[in-house]
């Protein structure tokens, strides 16, 4: 019998095997990885620095402006605008987690990342993405209470009562994201350490593992079902009730439904990009690797640029305060110094 020494938590075949002829074959387990996204572009890869840097600046400036306006204006200190500010915080955090490393990779070809760093980045990316989905649920609840039960709106949106909607969803997100990240960290990586991605995405890392990854795929699918899919079903149901209530009551409901339309636009675009990114990894298709990486990257980055602009344009109160703030800044700059 051939003795085998297993290393890590993966398949014993990833360890050190002593063949029958007595010769030892060394198989190493990777703890450092190369983020090789968009490698197909070759010498044109550094050009990607420009569009991603522009997206980074837009995301930081737009979300910072949105946060400043909501925090500085007392008239915007209501539940709906606080939730929009929460979305801006998430949209501000996501680029800070992944874009600086991507820009360094494009400009200086710095592609290395440790397994621990990869898992930490993965946890932040997926937790922030899950929290973004949860914020859309809370916004849908806010609109439901405001339109369907306006007399009890402030009572039901009081923090003590609203915590029963906040805490369970936050616990769900933390548990599921931590679960599949820990499962990914327990894998053994002995085949390749080159990850065809620009950041540490869950399936991009799992694909490099040796041995069975069935439990990781199952955990990923359960997370997708219990967070974005479940949230979307709840949001869709709430808006069906809202529109039915407005139509049956005979009210015009144009002003009340205005923010609902904004949320629906954000949800539709985010869900479409997320669905394409999800299916590109789990269904055999002829998509080039660069296209798959592009959609997966846009799923994370595009909402950070798109959300603050949409909320700033379509939400009348926020738009007015942003214009007022910009005009004040311009006036201060044009006033001659004495």
C-alpha atoms as a PDB file:
ATOM      1  CA  UNK A   1       0.000   0.000   0.000  1.00  0.00           C
ATOM      2  CA  UNK A   2       1.258   3.450  -0.865  1.00  0.00           C
ATOM      3  CA  UNK A   3       1.424   5.716   2.232  1.00  0.00           C
ATOM      4  CA  UNK A   4      -0.048   9.195   1.844  1.00  0.00           C
ATOM      5  CA  UNK A   5       0.451  12.307   3.964  1.00  0.00           C
ATOM      6  CA  UNK A   6      -2.495  14.711   3.571  1.00  0.00           C
ATOM      7  CA  UNK A   7      -1.959  18.432   3.889  1.00  0.00           C
ATOM      8  CA  UNK A   8      -4.745  20.913   4.649  1.00  0.00           C
ATOM      9  CA  UNK A   9      -8.436  20.118   4.396  1.00  0.00           C
ATOM     10  CA  UNK A  10      -8.702  19.075   0.773  1.00  0.00           C
ATOM     11  CA  UNK A  11      -8.280  15.881  -1.167  1.00  0.00           C
ATOM     12  CA  UNK A  12      -5.468  13.663   0.136  1.00  0.00           C
ATOM     13  CA  UNK A  13      -4.158  13.588  -3.415  1.00  0.00           C
ATOM     14  CA  UNK A  14      -3.069  17.179  -2.837  1.00  0.00           C
ATOM     15  CA  UNK A  15      -0.594  16.096  -0.200  1.00  0.00           C
ATOM     16  CA  UNK A  16       2.742  14.253  -0.370  1.00  0.00           C
ATOM     17  CA  UNK A  17       2.490  10.843  -2.024  1.00  0.00           C
ATOM     18  CA  UNK A  18       5.208   8.212  -1.835  1.00  0.00           C
ATOM     19  CA  UNK A  19       5.046   6.227  -5.069  1.00  0.00           C
ATOM     20  CA  UNK A  20       5.723   2.507  -5.099  1.00  0.00           C
ATOM     21  CA  UNK A  21       9.164   2.986  -6.646  1.00  0.00           C
ATOM     22  CA  UNK A  22      10.146   4.967  -3.517  1.00  0.00           C
ATOM     23  CA  UNK A  23      10.450   8.344  -5.251  1.00  0.00           C
ATOM     24  CA  UNK A  24       8.683  11.283  -3.467  1.00  0.00           C
ATOM     25  CA  UNK A  25       6.660  13.672  -5.558  1.00  0.00           C
ATOM     26  CA  UNK A  26       6.248  17.128  -4.005  1.00  0.00           C
ATOM     27  CA  UNK A  27       2.915  18.848  -4.462  1.00  0.00           C
ATOM     28  CA  UNK A  28       2.676  22.283  -2.815  1.00  0.00           C
ATOM     29  CA  UNK A  29      -0.423  24.000  -1.535  1.00  0.00           C
ATOM     30  CA  UNK A  30      -0.801  27.588  -2.701  1.00  0.00           C
ATOM     31  CA  UNK A  31      -1.229  30.360  -0.136  1.00  0.00           C
ATOM     32  CA  UNK A  32      -0.603  33.230  -2.555  1.00  0.00           C
ATOM     33  CA  UNK A  33      -2.560  33.972  -5.704  1.00  0.00           C
ATOM     34  CA  UNK A  34      -2.254  36.012  -8.880  1.00  0.00           C
ATOM     35  CA  UNK A  35      -5.251  38.160  -9.885  1.00  0.00           C
ATOM     36  CA  UNK A  36      -5.044  37.835 -13.655  1.00  0.00           C
ATOM     37  CA  UNK A  37      -8.279  39.519 -14.780  1.00  0.00           C
ATOM     38  CA  UNK A  38      -8.343  40.973 -18.312  1.00  0.00           C
ATOM     39  CA  UNK A  39      -5.006  39.318 -19.074  1.00  0.00           C
ATOM     40  CA  UNK A  40      -6.361  38.633 -22.575  1.00  0.00           C
ATOM     41  CA  UNK A  41      -5.881  42.322 -23.400  1.00  0.00           C
ATOM     42  CA  UNK A  42      -2.105  41.949 -23.202  1.00  0.00           C
ATOM     43  CA  UNK A  43      -0.280  45.270 -23.626  1.00  0.00           C
ATOM     44  CA  UNK A  44      -3.642  47.117 -23.659  1.00  0.00           C
ATOM     45  CA  UNK A  45      -4.413  46.045 -20.079  1.00  0.00           C
ATOM     46  CA  UNK A  46      -2.882  49.216 -18.496  1.00  0.00           C
ATOM     47  CA  UNK A  47      -5.402  51.286 -20.505  1.00  0.00           C
ATOM     48  CA  UNK A  48      -8.109  49.936 -18.158  1.00  0.00           C
ATOM     49  CA  UNK A  49      -6.659  52.210 -15.470  1.00  0.00           C
ATOM     50  CA  UNK A  50      -8.424  55.189 -17.088  1.00  0.00           C
ATOM     51  CA  UNK A  51     -12.094  54.008 -17.071  1.00  0.00           C
ATOM     52  CA  UNK A  52     -11.802  52.362 -13.664  1.00  0.00           C
ATOM     53  CA  UNK A  53     -10.109  55.427 -12.179  1.00  0.00           C
ATOM     54  CA  UNK A  54     -12.928  57.599 -13.565  1.00  0.00           C
ATOM     55  CA  UNK A  55     -15.529  55.243 -12.045  1.00  0.00           C
ATOM     56  CA  UNK A  56     -13.628  55.350  -8.739  1.00  0.00           C
ATOM     57  CA  UNK A  57     -13.621  59.167  -8.654  1.00  0.00           C
ATOM     58  CA  UNK A  58     -17.300  59.363  -9.649  1.00  0.00           C
ATOM     59  CA  UNK A  59     -18.308  56.833  -6.973  1.00  0.00           C
ATOM     60  CA  UNK A  60     -16.348  58.580  -4.217  1.00  0.00           C
ATOM     61  CA  UNK A  61     -17.429  62.125  -5.111  1.00  0.00           C
ATOM     62  CA  UNK A  62     -21.105  61.338  -5.808  1.00  0.00           C
ATOM     63  CA  UNK A  63     -21.610  59.249  -2.679  1.00  0.00           C
ATOM     64  CA  UNK A  64     -19.676  61.730  -0.513  1.00  0.00           C
ATOM     65  CA  UNK A  65     -21.870  64.566  -1.813  1.00  0.00           C
ATOM     66  CA  UNK A  66     -25.029  62.543  -1.151  1.00  0.00           C
ATOM     67  CA  UNK A  67     -23.886  61.726   2.381  1.00  0.00           C
ATOM     68  CA  UNK A  68     -22.934  65.335   3.091  1.00  0.00           C
ATOM     69  CA  UNK A  69     -26.293  66.674   1.907  1.00  0.00           C
ATOM     70  CA  UNK A  70     -28.339  64.170   3.951  1.00  0.00           C
ATOM     71  CA  UNK A  71     -26.247  64.692   7.099  1.00  0.00           C
ATOM     72  CA  UNK A  72     -26.081  68.496   6.867  1.00  0.00           C
ATOM     73  CA  UNK A  73     -29.755  69.154   6.081  1.00  0.00           C
ATOM     74  CA  UNK A  74     -32.069  68.647   9.057  1.00  0.00           C
ATOM     75  CA  UNK A  75     -35.081  68.486   6.734  1.00  0.00           C
ATOM     76  CA  UNK A  76     -33.639  65.235   5.313  1.00  0.00           C
ATOM     77  CA  UNK A  77     -33.338  63.523   8.702  1.00  0.00           C
ATOM     78  CA  UNK A  78     -36.300  61.225   8.049  1.00  0.00           C
ATOM     79  CA  UNK A  79     -36.225  57.412   7.699  1.00  0.00           C
ATOM     80  CA  UNK A  80     -36.314  57.363   3.892  1.00  0.00           C
ATOM     81  CA  UNK A  81     -33.356  59.744   3.489  1.00  0.00           C
ATOM     82  CA  UNK A  82     -31.407  58.023   6.269  1.00  0.00           C
ATOM     83  CA  UNK A  83     -31.783  54.753   4.344  1.00  0.00           C
ATOM     84  CA  UNK A  84     -30.549  56.501   1.188  1.00  0.00           C
ATOM     85  CA  UNK A  85     -27.554  57.754   3.204  1.00  0.00           C
ATOM     86  CA  UNK A  86     -26.969  54.158   4.341  1.00  0.00           C
ATOM     87  CA  UNK A  87     -26.933  53.071   0.711  1.00  0.00           C
ATOM     88  CA  UNK A  88     -24.397  55.834  -0.018  1.00  0.00           C
ATOM     89  CA  UNK A  89     -22.168  54.515   2.802  1.00  0.00           C
ATOM     90  CA  UNK A  90     -22.209  51.042   1.243  1.00  0.00           C
ATOM     91  CA  UNK A  91     -21.608  52.438  -2.249  1.00  0.00           C
ATOM     92  CA  UNK A  92     -18.694  54.452  -0.851  1.00  0.00           C
ATOM     93  CA  UNK A  93     -17.149  51.428   0.882  1.00  0.00           C
ATOM     94  CA  UNK A  94     -17.251  48.966  -2.033  1.00  0.00           C
ATOM     95  CA  UNK A  95     -14.848  50.890  -4.339  1.00  0.00           C
ATOM     96  CA  UNK A  96     -12.454  51.476  -1.437  1.00  0.00           C
ATOM     97  CA  UNK A  97     -12.239  47.711  -0.883  1.00  0.00           C
ATOM     98  CA  UNK A  98     -11.442  46.630  -4.443  1.00  0.00           C
ATOM     99  CA  UNK A  99     -10.561  49.513  -6.786  1.00  0.00           C
ATOM    100  CA  UNK A 100      -7.175  50.686  -5.351  1.00  0.00           C
ATOM    101  CA  UNK A 101      -5.763  47.185  -5.739  1.00  0.00           C
ATOM    102  CA  UNK A 102      -7.177  46.962  -9.282  1.00  0.00           C
ATOM    103  CA  UNK A 103      -5.638  50.305 -10.276  1.00  0.00           C
ATOM    104  CA  UNK A 104      -2.223  49.229  -8.975  1.00  0.00           C
ATOM    105  CA  UNK A 105      -2.597  45.998 -10.918  1.00  0.00           C
ATOM    106  CA  UNK A 106      -3.411  47.802 -14.164  1.00  0.00           C
ATOM    107  CA  UNK A 107      -0.731  50.476 -13.795  1.00  0.00           C
ATOM    108  CA  UNK A 108       2.187  48.629 -12.159  1.00  0.00           C
ATOM    109  CA  UNK A 109       1.208  44.990 -12.816  1.00  0.00           C
ATOM    110  CA  UNK A 110       0.965  44.252  -9.063  1.00  0.00           C
ATOM    111  CA  UNK A 111      -1.259  41.186  -9.144  1.00  0.00           C
ATOM    112  CA  UNK A 112      -0.324  39.168  -6.050  1.00  0.00           C
ATOM    113  CA  UNK A 113      -2.558  38.592  -3.023  1.00  0.00           C
ATOM    114  CA  UNK A 114      -2.296  36.197  -0.081  1.00  0.00           C
ATOM    115  CA  UNK A 115      -4.996  33.671   0.772  1.00  0.00           C
ATOM    116  CA  UNK A 116      -5.831  35.551   3.995  1.00  0.00           C
ATOM    117  CA  UNK A 117      -5.998  38.864   2.144  1.00  0.00           C
ATOM    118  CA  UNK A 118      -8.163  37.229  -0.511  1.00  0.00           C
ATOM    119  CA  UNK A 119     -10.612  35.856   2.068  1.00  0.00           C
ATOM    120  CA  UNK A 120     -10.804  39.199   3.907  1.00  0.00           C
ATOM    121  CA  UNK A 121     -11.494  41.042   0.652  1.00  0.00           C
ATOM    122  CA  UNK A 122     -14.066  38.409  -0.356  1.00  0.00           C
ATOM    123  CA  UNK A 123     -15.875  38.771   2.979  1.00  0.00           C
ATOM    124  CA  UNK A 124     -16.092  42.562   2.693  1.00  0.00           C
ATOM    125  CA  UNK A 125     -17.227  42.474  -0.945  1.00  0.00           C
ATOM    126  CA  UNK A 126     -19.992  39.932  -0.427  1.00  0.00           C
ATOM    127  CA  UNK A 127     -21.128  41.349   2.915  1.00  0.00           C
ATOM    128  CA  UNK A 128     -21.430  44.855   1.460  1.00  0.00           C
ATOM    129  CA  UNK A 129     -23.277  43.421  -1.539  1.00  0.00           C
ATOM    130  CA  UNK A 130     -25.679  41.572   0.758  1.00  0.00           C
ATOM    131  CA  UNK A 131     -26.170  44.711   2.861  1.00  0.00           C
ATOM    132  CA  UNK A 132     -26.963  46.668  -0.295  1.00  0.00           C
ATOM    133  CA  UNK A 133     -29.743  44.185  -1.089  1.00  0.00           C
ATOM    134  CA  UNK A 134     -31.023  44.428   2.489  1.00  0.00           C
ATOM    135  CA  UNK A 135     -31.146  48.233   2.314  1.00  0.00           C
ATOM    136  CA  UNK A 136     -33.442  47.941  -0.708  1.00  0.00           C
ATOM    137  CA  UNK A 137     -35.743  45.751   1.426  1.00  0.00           C
ATOM    138  CA  UNK A 138     -35.831  48.382   4.156  1.00  0.00           C
ATOM    139  CA  UNK A 139     -36.571  51.068   1.558  1.00  0.00           C
ATOM    140  CA  UNK A 140     -39.461  48.990   0.250  1.00  0.00           C
ATOM    141  CA  UNK A 141     -40.795  48.655   3.814  1.00  0.00           C
ATOM    142  CA  UNK A 142     -40.463  52.406   4.298  1.00  0.00           C
ATOM    143  CA  UNK A 143     -42.509  53.079   1.138  1.00  0.00           C
ATOM    144  CA  UNK A 144     -45.096  50.457   2.168  1.00  0.00           C
ATOM    145  CA  UNK A 145     -45.649  52.096   5.558  1.00  0.00           C
ATOM    146  CA  UNK A 146     -45.652  55.614   4.045  1.00  0.00           C
ATOM    147  CA  UNK A 147     -48.196  54.823   1.310  1.00  0.00           C
ATOM    148  CA  UNK A 148     -50.363  52.023   2.698  1.00  0.00           C
ATOM    149  CA  UNK A 149     -50.440  53.049   6.390  1.00  0.00           C
ATOM    150  CA  UNK A 150     -49.602  56.780   6.397  1.00  0.00           C
ATOM    151  CA  UNK A 151     -51.303  57.456   9.753  1.00  0.00           C
ATOM    152  CA  UNK A 152     -49.016  54.966  11.509  1.00  0.00           C
ATOM    153  CA  UNK A 153     -45.868  55.695   9.497  1.00  0.00           C
ATOM    154  CA  UNK A 154     -43.812  57.425  12.206  1.00  0.00           C
ATOM    155  CA  UNK A 155     -44.899  54.898  14.805  1.00  0.00           C
ATOM    156  CA  UNK A 156     -43.872  51.902  12.693  1.00  0.00           C
ATOM    157  CA  UNK A 157     -40.658  53.499  11.448  1.00  0.00           C
ATOM    158  CA  UNK A 158     -39.529  54.340  14.985  1.00  0.00           C
ATOM    159  CA  UNK A 159     -36.157  52.710  15.642  1.00  0.00           C
ATOM    160  CA  UNK A 160     -37.414  50.424  18.416  1.00  0.00           C
ATOM    161  CA  UNK A 161     -40.088  48.940  16.153  1.00  0.00           C
ATOM    162  CA  UNK A 162     -37.984  48.943  13.007  1.00  0.00           C
ATOM    163  CA  UNK A 163     -35.221  46.949  14.744  1.00  0.00           C
ATOM    164  CA  UNK A 164     -37.327  43.802  14.363  1.00  0.00           C
ATOM    165  CA  UNK A 165     -36.881  44.191  10.599  1.00  0.00           C
ATOM    166  CA  UNK A 166     -33.207  45.213  10.844  1.00  0.00           C
ATOM    167  CA  UNK A 167     -31.641  42.670  13.196  1.00  0.00           C
ATOM    168  CA  UNK A 168     -32.840  39.389  11.579  1.00  0.00           C
ATOM    169  CA  UNK A 169     -31.642  40.437   8.107  1.00  0.00           C
ATOM    170  CA  UNK A 170     -28.239  41.613   9.373  1.00  0.00           C
ATOM    171  CA  UNK A 171     -27.778  38.320  11.280  1.00  0.00           C
ATOM    172  CA  UNK A 172     -28.756  36.400   8.121  1.00  0.00           C
ATOM    173  CA  UNK A 173     -26.201  38.291   6.024  1.00  0.00           C
ATOM    174  CA  UNK A 174     -23.363  37.861   8.520  1.00  0.00           C
ATOM    175  CA  UNK A 175     -24.037  34.138   8.992  1.00  0.00           C
ATOM    176  CA  UNK A 176     -24.352  33.198   5.302  1.00  0.00           C
ATOM    177  CA  UNK A 177     -21.429  35.298   4.050  1.00  0.00           C
ATOM    178  CA  UNK A 178     -19.150  34.127   6.875  1.00  0.00           C
ATOM    179  CA  UNK A 179     -20.187  30.520   6.209  1.00  0.00           C
ATOM    180  CA  UNK A 180     -19.207  30.371   2.539  1.00  0.00           C
ATOM    181  CA  UNK A 181     -16.036  32.438   3.080  1.00  0.00           C
ATOM    182  CA  UNK A 182     -14.889  30.044   5.830  1.00  0.00           C
ATOM    183  CA  UNK A 183     -15.711  27.059   3.599  1.00  0.00           C
ATOM    184  CA  UNK A 184     -13.638  28.609   0.821  1.00  0.00           C
ATOM    185  CA  UNK A 185     -10.758  29.156   3.255  1.00  0.00           C
ATOM    186  CA  UNK A 186     -10.809  25.462   4.241  1.00  0.00           C
ATOM    187  CA  UNK A 187     -10.117  24.306   0.681  1.00  0.00           C
ATOM    188  CA  UNK A 188      -6.724  23.151  -0.575  1.00  0.00           C
ATOM    189  CA  UNK A 189      -5.285  24.853  -3.647  1.00  0.00           C
ATOM    190  CA  UNK A 190      -2.694  22.679  -5.320  1.00  0.00           C
ATOM    191  CA  UNK A 191      -3.430  22.963  -9.048  1.00  0.00           C
ATOM    192  CA  UNK A 192      -3.031  26.628  -9.974  1.00  0.00           C
ATOM    193  CA  UNK A 193      -2.733  29.927  -8.148  1.00  0.00           C
ATOM    194  CA  UNK A 194      -3.761  32.138 -11.086  1.00  0.00           C
ATOM    195  CA  UNK A 195      -7.245  33.591 -10.574  1.00  0.00           C
ATOM    196  CA  UNK A 196      -8.914  34.936 -13.696  1.00  0.00           C
ATOM    197  CA  UNK A 197     -10.408  37.939 -11.935  1.00  0.00           C
ATOM    198  CA  UNK A 198      -9.538  41.455 -10.752  1.00  0.00           C
ATOM    199  CA  UNK A 199     -10.545  40.794  -7.133  1.00  0.00           C
ATOM    200  CA  UNK A 200     -11.276  37.818  -4.901  1.00  0.00           C
ATOM    201  CA  UNK A 201     -14.700  36.659  -6.040  1.00  0.00           C
ATOM    202  CA  UNK A 202     -16.011  33.493  -4.364  1.00  0.00           C
ATOM    203  CA  UNK A 203     -16.432  31.249  -7.406  1.00  0.00           C
ATOM    204  CA  UNK A 204     -13.199  32.480  -9.000  1.00  0.00           C
ATOM    205  CA  UNK A 205     -11.294  31.212  -5.934  1.00  0.00           C
ATOM    206  CA  UNK A 206     -13.287  27.978  -5.534  1.00  0.00           C
ATOM    207  CA  UNK A 207     -12.561  27.046  -9.154  1.00  0.00           C
ATOM    208  CA  UNK A 208      -8.860  26.778  -8.252  1.00  0.00           C
ATOM    209  CA  UNK A 209      -9.395  24.207  -5.493  1.00  0.00           C
ATOM    210  CA  UNK A 210      -8.406  20.577  -5.759  1.00  0.00           C
ATOM    211  CA  UNK A 211     -10.819  17.947  -4.516  1.00  0.00           C
ATOM    212  CA  UNK A 212     -14.585  18.248  -4.207  1.00  0.00           C
ATOM    213  CA  UNK A 213     -16.146  21.727  -4.035  1.00  0.00           C
ATOM    214  CA  UNK A 214     -19.779  20.544  -3.927  1.00  0.00           C
ATOM    215  CA  UNK A 215     -20.354  21.952  -0.428  1.00  0.00           C
ATOM    216  CA  UNK A 216     -18.933  25.319  -1.513  1.00  0.00           C
ATOM    217  CA  UNK A 217     -21.197  25.445  -4.561  1.00  0.00           C
ATOM    218  CA  UNK A 218     -24.174  24.542  -2.373  1.00  0.00           C
ATOM    219  CA  UNK A 219     -23.304  27.245   0.176  1.00  0.00           C
ATOM    220  CA  UNK A 220     -22.977  29.798  -2.629  1.00  0.00           C
ATOM    221  CA  UNK A 221     -26.333  28.832  -4.135  1.00  0.00           C
ATOM    222  CA  UNK A 222     -28.057  28.959  -0.731  1.00  0.00           C
ATOM    223  CA  UNK A 223     -26.589  32.390  -0.088  1.00  0.00           C
ATOM    224  CA  UNK A 224     -27.838  33.644  -3.461  1.00  0.00           C
ATOM    225  CA  UNK A 225     -31.304  32.219  -2.790  1.00  0.00           C
ATOM    226  CA  UNK A 226     -31.668  33.476   0.792  1.00  0.00           C
ATOM    227  CA  UNK A 227     -30.259  36.975   0.223  1.00  0.00           C
ATOM    228  CA  UNK A 228     -30.738  38.596  -3.226  1.00  0.00           C
ATOM    229  CA  UNK A 229     -33.475  36.247  -4.497  1.00  0.00           C
ATOM    230  CA  UNK A 230     -35.473  36.288  -1.252  1.00  0.00           C
ATOM    231  CA  UNK A 231     -35.017  40.053  -0.960  1.00  0.00           C
ATOM    232  CA  UNK A 232     -36.172  40.577  -4.546  1.00  0.00           C
ATOM    233  CA  UNK A 233     -39.302  38.456  -3.981  1.00  0.00           C
ATOM    234  CA  UNK A 234     -40.133  40.456  -0.848  1.00  0.00           C
ATOM    235  CA  UNK A 235     -39.507  43.790  -2.607  1.00  0.00           C
ATOM    236  CA  UNK A 236     -41.602  42.784  -5.633  1.00  0.00           C
ATOM    237  CA  UNK A 237     -44.473  41.657  -3.374  1.00  0.00           C
ATOM    238  CA  UNK A 238     -44.369  44.896  -1.386  1.00  0.00           C
ATOM    239  CA  UNK A 239     -44.523  47.046  -4.513  1.00  0.00           C
ATOM    240  CA  UNK A 240     -47.425  44.990  -5.886  1.00  0.00           C
ATOM    241  CA  UNK A 241     -49.294  45.743  -2.653  1.00  0.00           C
ATOM    242  CA  UNK A 242     -48.315  49.433  -2.830  1.00  0.00           C
ATOM    243  CA  UNK A 243     -49.494  49.899  -6.423  1.00  0.00           C
ATOM    244  CA  UNK A 244     -52.694  47.934  -5.723  1.00  0.00           C
ATOM    245  CA  UNK A 245     -53.406  50.103  -2.704  1.00  0.00           C
ATOM    246  CA  UNK A 246     -52.925  53.337  -4.664  1.00  0.00           C
ATOM    247  CA  UNK A 247     -55.082  52.169  -7.590  1.00  0.00           C
ATOM    248  CA  UNK A 248     -57.891  50.818  -5.402  1.00  0.00           C
ATOM    249  CA  UNK A 249     -58.029  53.944  -3.230  1.00  0.00           C
ATOM    250  CA  UNK A 250     -58.589  56.209  -6.227  1.00  0.00           C
ATOM    251  CA  UNK A 251     -55.696  58.492  -5.300  1.00  0.00           C
ATOM    252  CA  UNK A 252     -53.432  59.760  -8.020  1.00  0.00           C
ATOM    253  CA  UNK A 253     -50.438  58.685  -5.957  1.00  0.00           C
ATOM    254  CA  UNK A 254     -47.970  60.320  -8.332  1.00  0.00           C
ATOM    255  CA  UNK A 255     -45.926  62.017  -5.632  1.00  0.00           C
ATOM    256  CA  UNK A 256     -46.133  59.032  -3.285  1.00  0.00           C
ATOM    257  CA  UNK A 257     -44.989  56.625  -6.003  1.00  0.00           C
ATOM    258  CA  UNK A 258     -42.159  58.828  -7.252  1.00  0.00           C
ATOM    259  CA  UNK A 259     -39.517  57.337  -4.952  1.00  0.00           C
ATOM    260  CA  UNK A 260     -40.915  53.860  -5.633  1.00  0.00           C
ATOM    261  CA  UNK A 261     -40.056  54.264  -9.308  1.00  0.00           C
ATOM    262  CA  UNK A 262     -36.516  55.293  -8.339  1.00  0.00           C
ATOM    263  CA  UNK A 263     -36.120  52.137  -6.242  1.00  0.00           C
ATOM    264  CA  UNK A 264     -37.533  49.958  -9.028  1.00  0.00           C
ATOM    265  CA  UNK A 265     -35.036  51.393 -11.539  1.00  0.00           C
ATOM    266  CA  UNK A 266     -32.125  50.738  -9.152  1.00  0.00           C
ATOM    267  CA  UNK A 267     -33.326  47.206  -8.351  1.00  0.00           C
ATOM    268  CA  UNK A 268     -33.930  46.258 -12.000  1.00  0.00           C
ATOM    269  CA  UNK A 269     -30.509  47.342 -13.244  1.00  0.00           C
ATOM    270  CA  UNK A 270     -28.651  45.873 -10.241  1.00  0.00           C
ATOM    271  CA  UNK A 271     -30.502  42.563 -10.526  1.00  0.00           C
ATOM    272  CA  UNK A 272     -29.887  42.293 -14.280  1.00  0.00           C
ATOM    273  CA  UNK A 273     -26.126  42.764 -13.930  1.00  0.00           C
ATOM    274  CA  UNK A 274     -26.031  40.405 -10.913  1.00  0.00           C
ATOM    275  CA  UNK A 275     -27.950  37.716 -12.814  1.00  0.00           C
ATOM    276  CA  UNK A 276     -25.593  37.870 -15.804  1.00  0.00           C
ATOM    277  CA  UNK A 277     -22.536  37.723 -13.513  1.00  0.00           C
ATOM    278  CA  UNK A 278     -23.989  34.794 -11.538  1.00  0.00           C
ATOM    279  CA  UNK A 279     -25.017  32.716 -14.563  1.00  0.00           C
ATOM    280  CA  UNK A 280     -21.718  33.312 -16.371  1.00  0.00           C
ATOM    281  CA  UNK A 281     -19.921  31.285 -13.693  1.00  0.00           C
ATOM    282  CA  UNK A 282     -22.462  28.507 -13.211  1.00  0.00           C
ATOM    283  CA  UNK A 283     -23.737  27.784 -16.724  1.00  0.00           C
ATOM    284  CA  UNK A 284     -21.495  26.585 -19.523  1.00  0.00           C
ATOM    285  CA  UNK A 285     -21.402  29.313 -22.135  1.00  0.00           C
ATOM    286  CA  UNK A 286     -19.237  30.683 -24.884  1.00  0.00           C
ATOM    287  CA  UNK A 287     -18.576  34.013 -23.176  1.00  0.00           C
ATOM    288  CA  UNK A 288     -14.920  35.086 -23.369  1.00  0.00           C
ATOM    289  CA  UNK A 289     -13.195  35.208 -19.993  1.00  0.00           C
ATOM    290  CA  UNK A 290     -12.750  38.984 -20.251  1.00  0.00           C
ATOM    291  CA  UNK A 291     -16.511  39.489 -20.731  1.00  0.00           C
ATOM    292  CA  UNK A 292     -17.278  37.314 -17.724  1.00  0.00           C
ATOM    293  CA  UNK A 293     -14.830  39.267 -15.578  1.00  0.00           C
ATOM    294  CA  UNK A 294     -16.285  42.541 -16.889  1.00  0.00           C
ATOM    295  CA  UNK A 295     -19.854  41.679 -15.854  1.00  0.00           C
ATOM    296  CA  UNK A 296     -18.700  40.379 -12.482  1.00  0.00           C
ATOM    297  CA  UNK A 297     -16.750  43.598 -11.878  1.00  0.00           C
ATOM    298  CA  UNK A 298     -19.627  45.821 -13.013  1.00  0.00           C
ATOM    299  CA  UNK A 299     -21.978  43.960 -10.667  1.00  0.00           C
ATOM    300  CA  UNK A 300     -19.841  45.225  -7.788  1.00  0.00           C
ATOM    301  CA  UNK A 301     -18.794  48.656  -9.076  1.00  0.00           C
ATOM    302  CA  UNK A 302     -21.622  49.954 -11.253  1.00  0.00           C
ATOM    303  CA  UNK A 303     -24.166  50.447  -8.414  1.00  0.00           C
ATOM    304  CA  UNK A 304     -21.628  52.622  -6.567  1.00  0.00           C
ATOM    305  CA  UNK A 305     -21.611  55.036  -9.527  1.00  0.00           C
ATOM    306  CA  UNK A 306     -25.224  54.586 -10.567  1.00  0.00           C
ATOM    307  CA  UNK A 307     -27.159  54.725  -7.266  1.00  0.00           C
ATOM    308  CA  UNK A 308     -26.133  58.189  -5.977  1.00  0.00           C
ATOM    309  CA  UNK A 309     -26.744  59.772  -9.380  1.00  0.00           C
ATOM    310  CA  UNK A 310     -30.205  58.209  -9.678  1.00  0.00           C
ATOM    311  CA  UNK A 311     -31.195  59.099  -6.110  1.00  0.00           C
ATOM    312  CA  UNK A 312     -29.768  62.605  -6.518  1.00  0.00           C
ATOM    313  CA  UNK A 313     -31.656  63.235  -9.774  1.00  0.00           C
ATOM    314  CA  UNK A 314     -34.978  61.514  -9.094  1.00  0.00           C
ATOM    315  CA  UNK A 315     -35.437  62.457  -5.434  1.00  0.00           C
ATOM    316  CA  UNK A 316     -36.630  66.058  -5.585  1.00  0.00           C
ATOM    317  CA  UNK A 317     -35.589  67.149  -2.083  1.00  0.00           C
ATOM    318  CA  UNK A 318     -32.081  65.717  -2.435  1.00  0.00           C
ATOM    319  CA  UNK A 319     -31.673  67.224  -5.915  1.00  0.00           C
ATOM    320  CA  UNK A 320     -32.665  70.680  -4.668  1.00  0.00           C
ATOM    321  CA  UNK A 321     -30.229  70.547  -1.736  1.00  0.00           C
ATOM    322  CA  UNK A 322     -27.398  69.266  -3.965  1.00  0.00           C
ATOM    323  CA  UNK A 323     -27.948  72.139  -6.424  1.00  0.00           C
ATOM    324  CA  UNK A 324     -28.086  74.611  -3.539  1.00  0.00           C
ATOM    325  CA  UNK A 325     -24.834  73.213  -2.101  1.00  0.00           C
ATOM    326  CA  UNK A 326     -23.072  73.382  -5.478  1.00  0.00           C
ATOM    327  CA  UNK A 327     -24.271  76.947  -6.052  1.00  0.00           C
ATOM    328  CA  UNK A 328     -23.033  77.983  -2.606  1.00  0.00           C
ATOM    329  CA  UNK A 329     -19.618  76.441  -3.308  1.00  0.00           C
ATOM    330  CA  UNK A 330     -19.460  78.245  -6.643  1.00  0.00           C
ATOM    331  CA  UNK A 331     -20.483  81.527  -5.012  1.00  0.00           C
ATOM    332  CA  UNK A 332     -17.783  81.177  -2.340  1.00  0.00           C
ATOM    333  CA  UNK A 333     -15.159  80.525  -5.021  1.00  0.00           C
ATOM    334  CA  UNK A 334     -16.180  83.571  -7.090  1.00  0.00           C
ATOM    335  CA  UNK A 335     -16.324  86.042  -4.161  1.00  0.00           C
ATOM    336  CA  UNK A 336     -13.131  88.184  -4.326  1.00  0.00           C
ATOM    337  CA  UNK A 337     -10.953  88.097  -1.238  1.00  0.00           C
ATOM    338  CA  UNK A 338     -10.507  91.376   0.537  1.00  0.00           C
END
